[in-house]
Amino acid sequence: MGFTAHIRQAQTALPRTSLADLNAVQLMRRFDSKYVIPESWLSELILALSEDMHILEVEGQWDCRYQNVYYEFPDDQFLTDHLRGKARRMKIRTRSYGTNGLAFLEVKQRFPGGKTVKQRILRSEGEGLSFAQNELDFLRAFVAKPEMLEPRLEGAFQRLTLVDFKKSERITLDRSLSSNLMAQPTSALMQGLAVVEIKQTRPDRYGPAQQWFRSKTERRGLIARETSVSKYTVARLSCDDRIAGRTYLATHRRLQEACSWAKDLQAQSRP
């Protein structure tokens, strides 16, 4: 049985929740912690969380496709801030949901102390890469010249969303990542790895997911340890060889090592 079939089997152990119920745990202001694990571990993690979590189901689907377009100024200001590790930084992107066809323009800000604030507005059907006037007005609250923003990178992934209503906590499990610079061929990103993101109203390092990570005796390097990995930054470094990541290069190298190890692990698990 392949790991996708194992995930399909594991998710049946979790009760369902809907987008309407999820409004109680939107977490637009939150603390995020990220982990990278082999995709082959996902089913075991889902089962370990089944007593505490619900799984989001939209239009009858629990395995949802997300598509992002990231915007930058001509000088790549947002990417540079990430690569330099600035405590105050942001991303601007559009996000489309394959399950219900909705799309949003989002501004995701990171503040000193680790707090994340996300604000968004619904996009009208049919809007493309350029911004409508109401979107430019929305963006002016965050940047001085939103009309200078350019679409720079596309990214897509599969996501499972788990929700703990008692703790007001969400955990997203992202896999099958791909990315490309605009108008360039698409390539797989972080093959064999899944990105697990824990979103909380206040930092808690002793939740069931973190305890499960610490229990894994096989973990090595970056695997199952908290990291500041950014899908956008990793995608830019992977797709654009003109970028010198400097402070981020060590993390990028560790991710490449983790990909190699996850590939070996998956090969060993095959009958």
C-alpha atoms as a PDB file:
ATOM      1  CA  MET A   1       0.000   0.000   0.000  1.00  0.00           C
ATOM      2  CA  GLY A   2       1.443   3.408  -1.020  1.00  0.00           C
ATOM      3  CA  PHE A   3       1.700   6.271   1.443  1.00  0.00           C
ATOM      4  CA  THR A   4      -1.286   8.067  -0.190  1.00  0.00           C
ATOM      5  CA  ALA A   5      -3.454   5.021   0.499  1.00  0.00           C
ATOM      6  CA  HIS A   6      -2.143   4.938   4.080  1.00  0.00           C
ATOM      7  CA  ILE A   7      -3.135   8.605   4.510  1.00  0.00           C
ATOM      8  CA  ARG A   8      -6.581   7.882   3.070  1.00  0.00           C
ATOM      9  CA  GLN A   9      -6.990   5.051   5.550  1.00  0.00           C
ATOM     10  CA  ALA A  10      -5.678   7.051   8.531  1.00  0.00           C
ATOM     11  CA  GLN A  11      -7.925  10.068   7.971  1.00  0.00           C
ATOM     12  CA  THR A  12     -11.042   7.940   8.420  1.00  0.00           C
ATOM     13  CA  ALA A  13     -10.201   7.809  12.155  1.00  0.00           C
ATOM     14  CA  LEU A  14     -10.852  11.563  12.536  1.00  0.00           C
ATOM     15  CA  PRO A  15     -14.272  13.204  12.858  1.00  0.00           C
ATOM     16  CA  ARG A  16     -15.150  15.764  10.159  1.00  0.00           C
ATOM     17  CA  THR A  17     -15.481  19.521  10.447  1.00  0.00           C
ATOM     18  CA  SER A  18     -16.602  22.126   7.928  1.00  0.00           C
ATOM     19  CA  LEU A  19     -15.516  25.591   6.839  1.00  0.00           C
ATOM     20  CA  ALA A  20     -18.424  27.043   8.810  1.00  0.00           C
ATOM     21  CA  ASP A  21     -17.140  25.365  11.989  1.00  0.00           C
ATOM     22  CA  LEU A  22     -13.588  26.456  11.176  1.00  0.00           C
ATOM     23  CA  ASN A  23     -14.606  30.114  11.572  1.00  0.00           C
ATOM     24  CA  ALA A  24     -14.308  29.550  15.326  1.00  0.00           C
ATOM     25  CA  VAL A  25     -10.601  28.782  14.871  1.00  0.00           C
ATOM     26  CA  GLN A  26      -9.570  31.142  12.069  1.00  0.00           C
ATOM     27  CA  LEU A  27      -6.305  32.090  13.825  1.00  0.00           C
ATOM     28  CA  MET A  28      -5.584  35.107  11.650  1.00  0.00           C
ATOM     29  CA  ARG A  29      -3.414  36.306  14.562  1.00  0.00           C
ATOM     30  CA  ARG A  30      -1.332  33.451  15.837  1.00  0.00           C
ATOM     31  CA  PHE A  31       2.009  31.824  16.566  1.00  0.00           C
ATOM     32  CA  ASP A  32       3.303  29.357  13.992  1.00  0.00           C
ATOM     33  CA  SER A  33       5.789  26.540  14.390  1.00  0.00           C
ATOM     34  CA  LYS A  34       6.940  24.474  11.415  1.00  0.00           C
ATOM     35  CA  TYR A  35       8.360  20.998  11.063  1.00  0.00           C
ATOM     36  CA  VAL A  36       9.526  18.912   8.122  1.00  0.00           C
ATOM     37  CA  ILE A  37       8.920  15.154   8.088  1.00  0.00           C
ATOM     38  CA  PRO A  38       8.982  12.390   5.450  1.00  0.00           C
ATOM     39  CA  GLU A  39       5.670  12.078   3.632  1.00  0.00           C
ATOM     40  CA  SER A  40       5.673   8.409   4.617  1.00  0.00           C
ATOM     41  CA  TRP A  41       5.239   9.443   8.280  1.00  0.00           C
ATOM     42  CA  LEU A  42       2.014  11.372   7.694  1.00  0.00           C
ATOM     43  CA  SER A  43      -0.431   8.523   8.258  1.00  0.00           C
ATOM     44  CA  GLU A  44       1.204   7.677  11.595  1.00  0.00           C
ATOM     45  CA  LEU A  45       1.058  11.333  12.670  1.00  0.00           C
ATOM     46  CA  ILE A  46      -2.629  11.600  11.703  1.00  0.00           C
ATOM     47  CA  LEU A  47      -3.477   8.523  13.788  1.00  0.00           C
ATOM     48  CA  ALA A  48      -1.466   9.904  16.732  1.00  0.00           C
ATOM     49  CA  LEU A  49      -3.625  13.064  16.652  1.00  0.00           C
ATOM     50  CA  SER A  50      -6.976  11.352  16.082  1.00  0.00           C
ATOM     51  CA  GLU A  51      -8.122  11.661  19.719  1.00  0.00           C
ATOM     52  CA  ASP A  52      -7.722  15.457  19.729  1.00  0.00           C
ATOM     53  CA  MET A  53      -8.349  16.600  16.173  1.00  0.00           C
ATOM     54  CA  HIS A  54     -11.069  16.951  13.564  1.00  0.00           C
ATOM     55  CA  ILE A  55     -10.227  16.947   9.858  1.00  0.00           C
ATOM     56  CA  LEU A  56     -11.513  19.698   7.568  1.00  0.00           C
ATOM     57  CA  GLU A  57     -13.720  18.512   4.736  1.00  0.00           C
ATOM     58  CA  VAL A  58     -14.749  20.896   1.930  1.00  0.00           C
ATOM     59  CA  GLU A  59     -17.203  19.891  -0.781  1.00  0.00           C
ATOM     60  CA  GLY A  60     -16.724  16.291   0.288  1.00  0.00           C
ATOM     61  CA  GLN A  61     -12.936  16.517  -0.017  1.00  0.00           C
ATOM     62  CA  TRP A  62     -10.369  16.358   2.791  1.00  0.00           C
ATOM     63  CA  ASP A  63      -7.249  16.358   0.586  1.00  0.00           C
ATOM     64  CA  CYS A  64      -7.302  19.880  -0.816  1.00  0.00           C
ATOM     65  CA  ARG A  65      -5.254  21.513  -3.584  1.00  0.00           C
ATOM     66  CA  TYR A  66      -3.892  24.996  -2.893  1.00  0.00           C
ATOM     67  CA  GLN A  67      -2.354  27.273  -5.522  1.00  0.00           C
ATOM     68  CA  ASN A  68      -0.416  30.447  -4.633  1.00  0.00           C
ATOM     69  CA  VAL A  69       1.024  33.319  -6.623  1.00  0.00           C
ATOM     70  CA  TYR A  70       3.632  35.333  -4.706  1.00  0.00           C
ATOM     71  CA  TYR A  71       4.232  39.001  -5.472  1.00  0.00           C
ATOM     72  CA  GLU A  72       7.424  41.011  -5.110  1.00  0.00           C
ATOM     73  CA  PHE A  73       8.788  44.469  -5.728  1.00  0.00           C
ATOM     74  CA  PRO A  74      11.396  44.712  -8.509  1.00  0.00           C
ATOM     75  CA  ASP A  75      14.212  44.541  -5.914  1.00  0.00           C
ATOM     76  CA  ASP A  76      12.793  41.386  -4.259  1.00  0.00           C
ATOM     77  CA  GLN A  77      12.280  43.201  -0.965  1.00  0.00           C
ATOM     78  CA  PHE A  78      10.200  40.471   0.691  1.00  0.00           C
ATOM     79  CA  LEU A  79      12.599  37.683  -0.257  1.00  0.00           C
ATOM     80  CA  THR A  80      15.599  39.703   0.916  1.00  0.00           C
ATOM     81  CA  ASP A  81      13.963  40.289   4.300  1.00  0.00           C
ATOM     82  CA  HIS A  82      13.397  36.529   4.654  1.00  0.00           C
ATOM     83  CA  LEU A  83      16.930  35.631   3.632  1.00  0.00           C
ATOM     84  CA  ARG A  84      18.361  38.122   6.111  1.00  0.00           C
ATOM     85  CA  GLY A  85      16.196  36.705   8.886  1.00  0.00           C
ATOM     86  CA  LYS A  86      14.461  39.993   9.641  1.00  0.00           C
ATOM     87  CA  ALA A  87      12.079  39.666  12.580  1.00  0.00           C
ATOM     88  CA  ARG A  88       9.532  41.939  10.861  1.00  0.00           C
ATOM     89  CA  ARG A  89       8.703  40.740   7.356  1.00  0.00           C
ATOM     90  CA  MET A  90       5.784  39.950   5.078  1.00  0.00           C
ATOM     91  CA  LYS A  91       4.534  38.025   2.076  1.00  0.00           C
ATOM     92  CA  ILE A  92       1.890  39.139  -0.406  1.00  0.00           C
ATOM     93  CA  ARG A  93       0.173  36.409  -2.386  1.00  0.00           C
ATOM     94  CA  THR A  94      -3.037  35.263  -3.966  1.00  0.00           C
ATOM     95  CA  ARG A  95      -4.342  31.870  -2.906  1.00  0.00           C
ATOM     96  CA  SER A  96      -6.832  29.724  -4.812  1.00  0.00           C
ATOM     97  CA  TYR A  97      -8.622  26.695  -3.399  1.00  0.00           C
ATOM     98  CA  GLY A  98      -9.241  23.796  -5.748  1.00  0.00           C
ATOM     99  CA  THR A  99     -12.097  22.411  -3.654  1.00  0.00           C
ATOM    100  CA  ASN A 100     -14.524  25.343  -3.823  1.00  0.00           C
ATOM    101  CA  GLY A 101     -13.000  27.670  -6.429  1.00  0.00           C
ATOM    102  CA  LEU A 102     -12.566  30.576  -4.005  1.00  0.00           C
ATOM    103  CA  ALA A 103      -9.545  32.870  -4.228  1.00  0.00           C
ATOM    104  CA  PHE A 104      -8.144  35.472  -1.820  1.00  0.00           C
ATOM    105  CA  LEU A 105      -5.551  38.213  -1.836  1.00  0.00           C
ATOM    106  CA  GLU A 106      -3.527  37.765   1.356  1.00  0.00           C
ATOM    107  CA  VAL A 107      -0.947  39.726   3.314  1.00  0.00           C
ATOM    108  CA  LYS A 108       0.939  37.607   5.835  1.00  0.00           C
ATOM    109  CA  GLN A 109       3.058  39.545   8.326  1.00  0.00           C
ATOM    110  CA  ARG A 110       5.609  38.219  10.790  1.00  0.00           C
ATOM    111  CA  PHE A 111       6.464  40.316  13.860  1.00  0.00           C
ATOM    112  CA  PRO A 112       9.247  40.248  16.474  1.00  0.00           C
ATOM    113  CA  GLY A 113       8.506  37.562  19.046  1.00  0.00           C
ATOM    114  CA  GLY A 114       7.170  35.189  16.391  1.00  0.00           C
ATOM    115  CA  LYS A 115       3.598  36.439  16.052  1.00  0.00           C
ATOM    116  CA  THR A 116       1.976  36.015  12.625  1.00  0.00           C
ATOM    117  CA  VAL A 117      -0.913  38.173  11.404  1.00  0.00           C
ATOM    118  CA  LYS A 118      -2.728  37.312   8.180  1.00  0.00           C
ATOM    119  CA  GLN A 119      -5.256  39.590   6.512  1.00  0.00           C
ATOM    120  CA  ARG A 120      -7.093  38.862   3.295  1.00  0.00           C
ATOM    121  CA  ILE A 121      -9.909  39.871   0.981  1.00  0.00           C
ATOM    122  CA  LEU A 122     -11.978  37.743  -1.364  1.00  0.00           C
ATOM    123  CA  ARG A 123     -11.097  38.027  -5.036  1.00  0.00           C
ATOM    124  CA  SER A 124     -13.768  38.336  -7.692  1.00  0.00           C
ATOM    125  CA  GLU A 125     -14.219  35.435 -10.069  1.00  0.00           C
ATOM    126  CA  GLY A 126     -11.987  35.684 -13.109  1.00  0.00           C
ATOM    127  CA  GLU A 127      -9.406  38.073 -11.663  1.00  0.00           C
ATOM    128  CA  GLY A 128      -5.948  37.209 -12.945  1.00  0.00           C
ATOM    129  CA  LEU A 129      -2.428  38.258 -12.017  1.00  0.00           C
ATOM    130  CA  SER A 130      -3.111  42.005 -11.912  1.00  0.00           C
ATOM    131  CA  PHE A 131      -4.857  43.717  -8.991  1.00  0.00           C
ATOM    132  CA  ALA A 132      -8.290  45.316  -9.090  1.00  0.00           C
ATOM    133  CA  GLN A 133      -8.725  48.798  -7.621  1.00  0.00           C
ATOM    134  CA  ASN A 134     -10.192  47.510  -4.350  1.00  0.00           C
ATOM    135  CA  GLU A 135      -7.189  45.193  -4.011  1.00  0.00           C
ATOM    136  CA  LEU A 136      -4.737  48.053  -4.531  1.00  0.00           C
ATOM    137  CA  ASP A 137      -6.625  50.017  -1.863  1.00  0.00           C
ATOM    138  CA  PHE A 138      -6.371  47.036   0.494  1.00  0.00           C
ATOM    139  CA  LEU A 139      -2.628  46.689  -0.118  1.00  0.00           C
ATOM    140  CA  ARG A 140      -1.926  50.392   0.553  1.00  0.00           C
ATOM    141  CA  ALA A 141      -2.435  49.690   4.254  1.00  0.00           C
ATOM    142  CA  PHE A 142       0.738  47.553   4.094  1.00  0.00           C
ATOM    143  CA  VAL A 143       2.992  48.913   1.318  1.00  0.00           C
ATOM    144  CA  ALA A 144       3.475  52.383  -0.144  1.00  0.00           C
ATOM    145  CA  LYS A 145       3.279  51.545  -3.860  1.00  0.00           C
ATOM    146  CA  PRO A 146       1.274  48.354  -4.441  1.00  0.00           C
ATOM    147  CA  GLU A 147       1.055  49.104  -8.161  1.00  0.00           C
ATOM    148  CA  MET A 148       4.797  48.272  -8.323  1.00  0.00           C
ATOM    149  CA  LEU A 149       4.225  44.690  -7.184  1.00  0.00           C
ATOM    150  CA  GLU A 150       4.963  41.960  -9.732  1.00  0.00           C
ATOM    151  CA  PRO A 151       3.912  38.295  -9.773  1.00  0.00           C
ATOM    152  CA  ARG A 152       7.162  36.408  -9.187  1.00  0.00           C
ATOM    153  CA  LEU A 153       6.495  32.773  -8.286  1.00  0.00           C
ATOM    154  CA  GLU A 154       3.733  30.180  -8.463  1.00  0.00           C
ATOM    155  CA  GLY A 155       3.445  27.350  -5.964  1.00  0.00           C
ATOM    156  CA  ALA A 156       1.022  24.495  -5.347  1.00  0.00           C
ATOM    157  CA  PHE A 157       0.585  21.720  -2.798  1.00  0.00           C
ATOM    158  CA  GLN A 158      -1.870  19.258  -1.273  1.00  0.00           C
ATOM    159  CA  ARG A 159      -3.072  20.141   2.229  1.00  0.00           C
ATOM    160  CA  LEU A 160      -4.856  18.335   5.043  1.00  0.00           C
ATOM    161  CA  THR A 161      -6.121  20.605   7.822  1.00  0.00           C
ATOM    162  CA  LEU A 162      -6.617  19.258  11.356  1.00  0.00           C
ATOM    163  CA  VAL A 163      -8.435  21.260  14.039  1.00  0.00           C
ATOM    164  CA  ASP A 164      -8.447  21.016  17.839  1.00  0.00           C
ATOM    165  CA  PHE A 165     -11.454  23.094  18.926  1.00  0.00           C
ATOM    166  CA  LYS A 166     -10.727  22.734  22.641  1.00  0.00           C
ATOM    167  CA  LYS A 167      -7.273  24.300  22.278  1.00  0.00           C
ATOM    168  CA  SER A 168      -8.167  26.608  19.353  1.00  0.00           C
ATOM    169  CA  GLU A 169      -5.333  25.046  17.381  1.00  0.00           C
ATOM    170  CA  ARG A 170      -4.889  24.045  13.764  1.00  0.00           C
ATOM    171  CA  ILE A 171      -2.302  21.787  12.178  1.00  0.00           C
ATOM    172  CA  THR A 172      -1.762  21.796   8.422  1.00  0.00           C
ATOM    173  CA  LEU A 173      -0.033  18.949   6.596  1.00  0.00           C
ATOM    174  CA  ASP A 174       1.341  20.006   3.201  1.00  0.00           C
ATOM    175  CA  ARG A 175       2.822  17.593   0.666  1.00  0.00           C
ATOM    176  CA  SER A 176       3.430  17.176  -3.082  1.00  0.00           C
ATOM    177  CA  LEU A 177       4.851  20.674  -3.302  1.00  0.00           C
ATOM    178  CA  SER A 178       5.701  22.206  -6.679  1.00  0.00           C
ATOM    179  CA  SER A 179       6.799  25.663  -7.813  1.00  0.00           C
ATOM    180  CA  ASN A 180       7.978  27.734 -10.742  1.00  0.00           C
ATOM    181  CA  LEU A 181       9.047  31.244 -11.575  1.00  0.00           C
ATOM    182  CA  MET A 182       6.377  32.974 -13.636  1.00  0.00           C
ATOM    183  CA  ALA A 183       6.169  31.592 -17.197  1.00  0.00           C
ATOM    184  CA  GLN A 184       8.803  28.943 -16.379  1.00  0.00           C
ATOM    185  CA  PRO A 185       8.388  25.137 -16.193  1.00  0.00           C
ATOM    186  CA  THR A 186       7.050  23.681 -12.958  1.00  0.00           C
ATOM    187  CA  SER A 187       9.265  21.452 -10.844  1.00  0.00           C
ATOM    188  CA  ALA A 188       8.767  19.385  -7.711  1.00  0.00           C
ATOM    189  CA  LEU A 189       9.864  20.979  -4.446  1.00  0.00           C
ATOM    190  CA  MET A 190      11.213  19.188  -1.355  1.00  0.00           C
ATOM    191  CA  GLN A 191      10.443  15.783  -2.844  1.00  0.00           C
ATOM    192  CA  GLY A 192       9.507  13.142  -0.300  1.00  0.00           C
ATOM    193  CA  LEU A 193       8.978  15.696   2.468  1.00  0.00           C
ATOM    194  CA  ALA A 194       5.871  17.152   4.070  1.00  0.00           C
ATOM    195  CA  VAL A 195       5.666  20.498   5.866  1.00  0.00           C
ATOM    196  CA  VAL A 196       3.729  20.397   9.145  1.00  0.00           C
ATOM    197  CA  GLU A 197       2.653  23.773  10.507  1.00  0.00           C
ATOM    198  CA  ILE A 198       1.139  24.180  13.976  1.00  0.00           C
ATOM    199  CA  LYS A 199      -0.915  27.361  14.380  1.00  0.00           C
ATOM    200  CA  GLN A 200      -1.722  28.432  17.960  1.00  0.00           C
ATOM    201  CA  THR A 201      -3.145  31.419  19.821  1.00  0.00           C
ATOM    202  CA  ARG A 202      -0.134  31.196  22.162  1.00  0.00           C
ATOM    203  CA  PRO A 203       3.056  29.151  21.848  1.00  0.00           C
ATOM    204  CA  ASP A 204       2.807  25.632  23.269  1.00  0.00           C
ATOM    205  CA  ARG A 205       5.761  23.304  22.682  1.00  0.00           C
ATOM    206  CA  TYR A 206       4.215  20.339  24.510  1.00  0.00           C
ATOM    207  CA  GLY A 207       1.178  19.538  22.390  1.00  0.00           C
ATOM    208  CA  PRO A 208       0.469  16.033  21.041  1.00  0.00           C
ATOM    209  CA  ALA A 209       2.134  16.738  17.698  1.00  0.00           C
ATOM    210  CA  GLN A 210       5.339  18.009  19.302  1.00  0.00           C
ATOM    211  CA  GLN A 211       5.385  15.029  21.661  1.00  0.00           C
ATOM    212  CA  TRP A 212       5.011  12.713  18.685  1.00  0.00           C
ATOM    213  CA  PHE A 213       7.924  14.412  16.916  1.00  0.00           C
ATOM    214  CA  ARG A 214      10.148  13.936  19.970  1.00  0.00           C
ATOM    215  CA  SER A 215       9.164  10.271  20.219  1.00  0.00           C
ATOM    216  CA  LYS A 216      10.509   9.468  16.750  1.00  0.00           C
ATOM    217  CA  THR A 217      13.862   7.794  17.284  1.00  0.00           C
ATOM    218  CA  GLU A 218      14.539   7.879  13.527  1.00  0.00           C
ATOM    219  CA  ARG A 219      14.600  11.657  13.288  1.00  0.00           C
ATOM    220  CA  ARG A 220      17.850  13.202  12.159  1.00  0.00           C
ATOM    221  CA  GLY A 221      19.071  16.643  11.118  1.00  0.00           C
ATOM    222  CA  LEU A 222      16.123  18.885  10.275  1.00  0.00           C
ATOM    223  CA  ILE A 223      13.589  16.055  10.350  1.00  0.00           C
ATOM    224  CA  ALA A 224      10.856  16.438  13.035  1.00  0.00           C
ATOM    225  CA  ARG A 225      12.600  19.428  14.635  1.00  0.00           C
ATOM    226  CA  GLU A 226      11.198  22.939  14.630  1.00  0.00           C
ATOM    227  CA  THR A 227      12.522  25.004  11.759  1.00  0.00           C
ATOM    228  CA  SER A 228      11.962  28.408  10.204  1.00  0.00           C
ATOM    229  CA  VAL A 229      11.601  26.908   6.730  1.00  0.00           C
ATOM    230  CA  SER A 230       9.527  29.006   4.324  1.00  0.00           C
ATOM    231  CA  LYS A 231       7.985  27.316   1.287  1.00  0.00           C
ATOM    232  CA  TYR A 232       8.315  30.586  -0.634  1.00  0.00           C
ATOM    233  CA  THR A 233      11.986  31.080   0.207  1.00  0.00           C
ATOM    234  CA  VAL A 234      12.894  27.463  -0.514  1.00  0.00           C
ATOM    235  CA  ALA A 235      11.039  27.671  -3.830  1.00  0.00           C
ATOM    236  CA  ARG A 236      12.891  30.830  -4.845  1.00  0.00           C
ATOM    237  CA  LEU A 237      16.256  29.301  -3.961  1.00  0.00           C
ATOM    238  CA  SER A 238      15.341  26.138  -5.872  1.00  0.00           C
ATOM    239  CA  CYS A 239      13.989  27.885  -8.981  1.00  0.00           C
ATOM    240  CA  ASP A 240      16.358  30.845  -9.300  1.00  0.00           C
ATOM    241  CA  ASP A 241      20.071  30.070  -9.238  1.00  0.00           C
ATOM    242  CA  ARG A 242      20.896  33.803  -9.323  1.00  0.00           C
ATOM    243  CA  ILE A 243      19.949  34.119  -5.653  1.00  0.00           C
ATOM    244  CA  ALA A 244      22.606  33.759  -2.967  1.00  0.00           C
ATOM    245  CA  GLY A 245      20.732  32.747   0.163  1.00  0.00           C
ATOM    246  CA  ARG A 246      23.608  33.506   2.571  1.00  0.00           C
ATOM    247  CA  THR A 247      22.055  33.020   6.028  1.00  0.00           C
ATOM    248  CA  TYR A 248      19.391  30.704   4.571  1.00  0.00           C
ATOM    249  CA  LEU A 249      21.808  28.473   2.687  1.00  0.00           C
ATOM    250  CA  ALA A 250      22.528  26.274   5.720  1.00  0.00           C
ATOM    251  CA  THR A 251      18.812  25.545   6.098  1.00  0.00           C
ATOM    252  CA  HIS A 252      18.525  24.956   2.360  1.00  0.00           C
ATOM    253  CA  ARG A 253      21.377  22.413   2.474  1.00  0.00           C
ATOM    254  CA  ARG A 254      19.799  20.635   5.445  1.00  0.00           C
ATOM    255  CA  LEU A 255      16.538  20.413   3.495  1.00  0.00           C
ATOM    256  CA  GLN A 256      18.349  18.816   0.584  1.00  0.00           C
ATOM    257  CA  GLU A 257      19.894  16.279   2.962  1.00  0.00           C
ATOM    258  CA  ALA A 258      16.442  15.615   4.454  1.00  0.00           C
ATOM    259  CA  CYS A 259      15.007  15.033   0.960  1.00  0.00           C
ATOM    260  CA  SER A 260      17.724  12.485   0.241  1.00  0.00           C
ATOM    261  CA  TRP A 261      17.103  10.698   3.542  1.00  0.00           C
ATOM    262  CA  ALA A 262      13.316  10.678   3.023  1.00  0.00           C
ATOM    263  CA  LYS A 263      13.819   9.175  -0.439  1.00  0.00           C
ATOM    264  CA  ASP A 264      15.990   6.409   1.018  1.00  0.00           C
ATOM    265  CA  LEU A 265      13.452   5.804   3.792  1.00  0.00           C
ATOM    266  CA  GLN A 266      10.603   5.466   1.309  1.00  0.00           C
ATOM    267  CA  ALA A 267      12.629   3.048  -0.797  1.00  0.00           C
ATOM    268  CA  GLN A 268      13.337   0.880   2.278  1.00  0.00           C
ATOM    269  CA  SER A 269       9.627   0.750   3.183  1.00  0.00           C
ATOM    270  CA  ARG A 270       8.583  -0.661  -0.200  1.00  0.00           C
ATOM    271  CA  PRO A 271       7.894  -4.402  -0.246  1.00  0.00           C
END
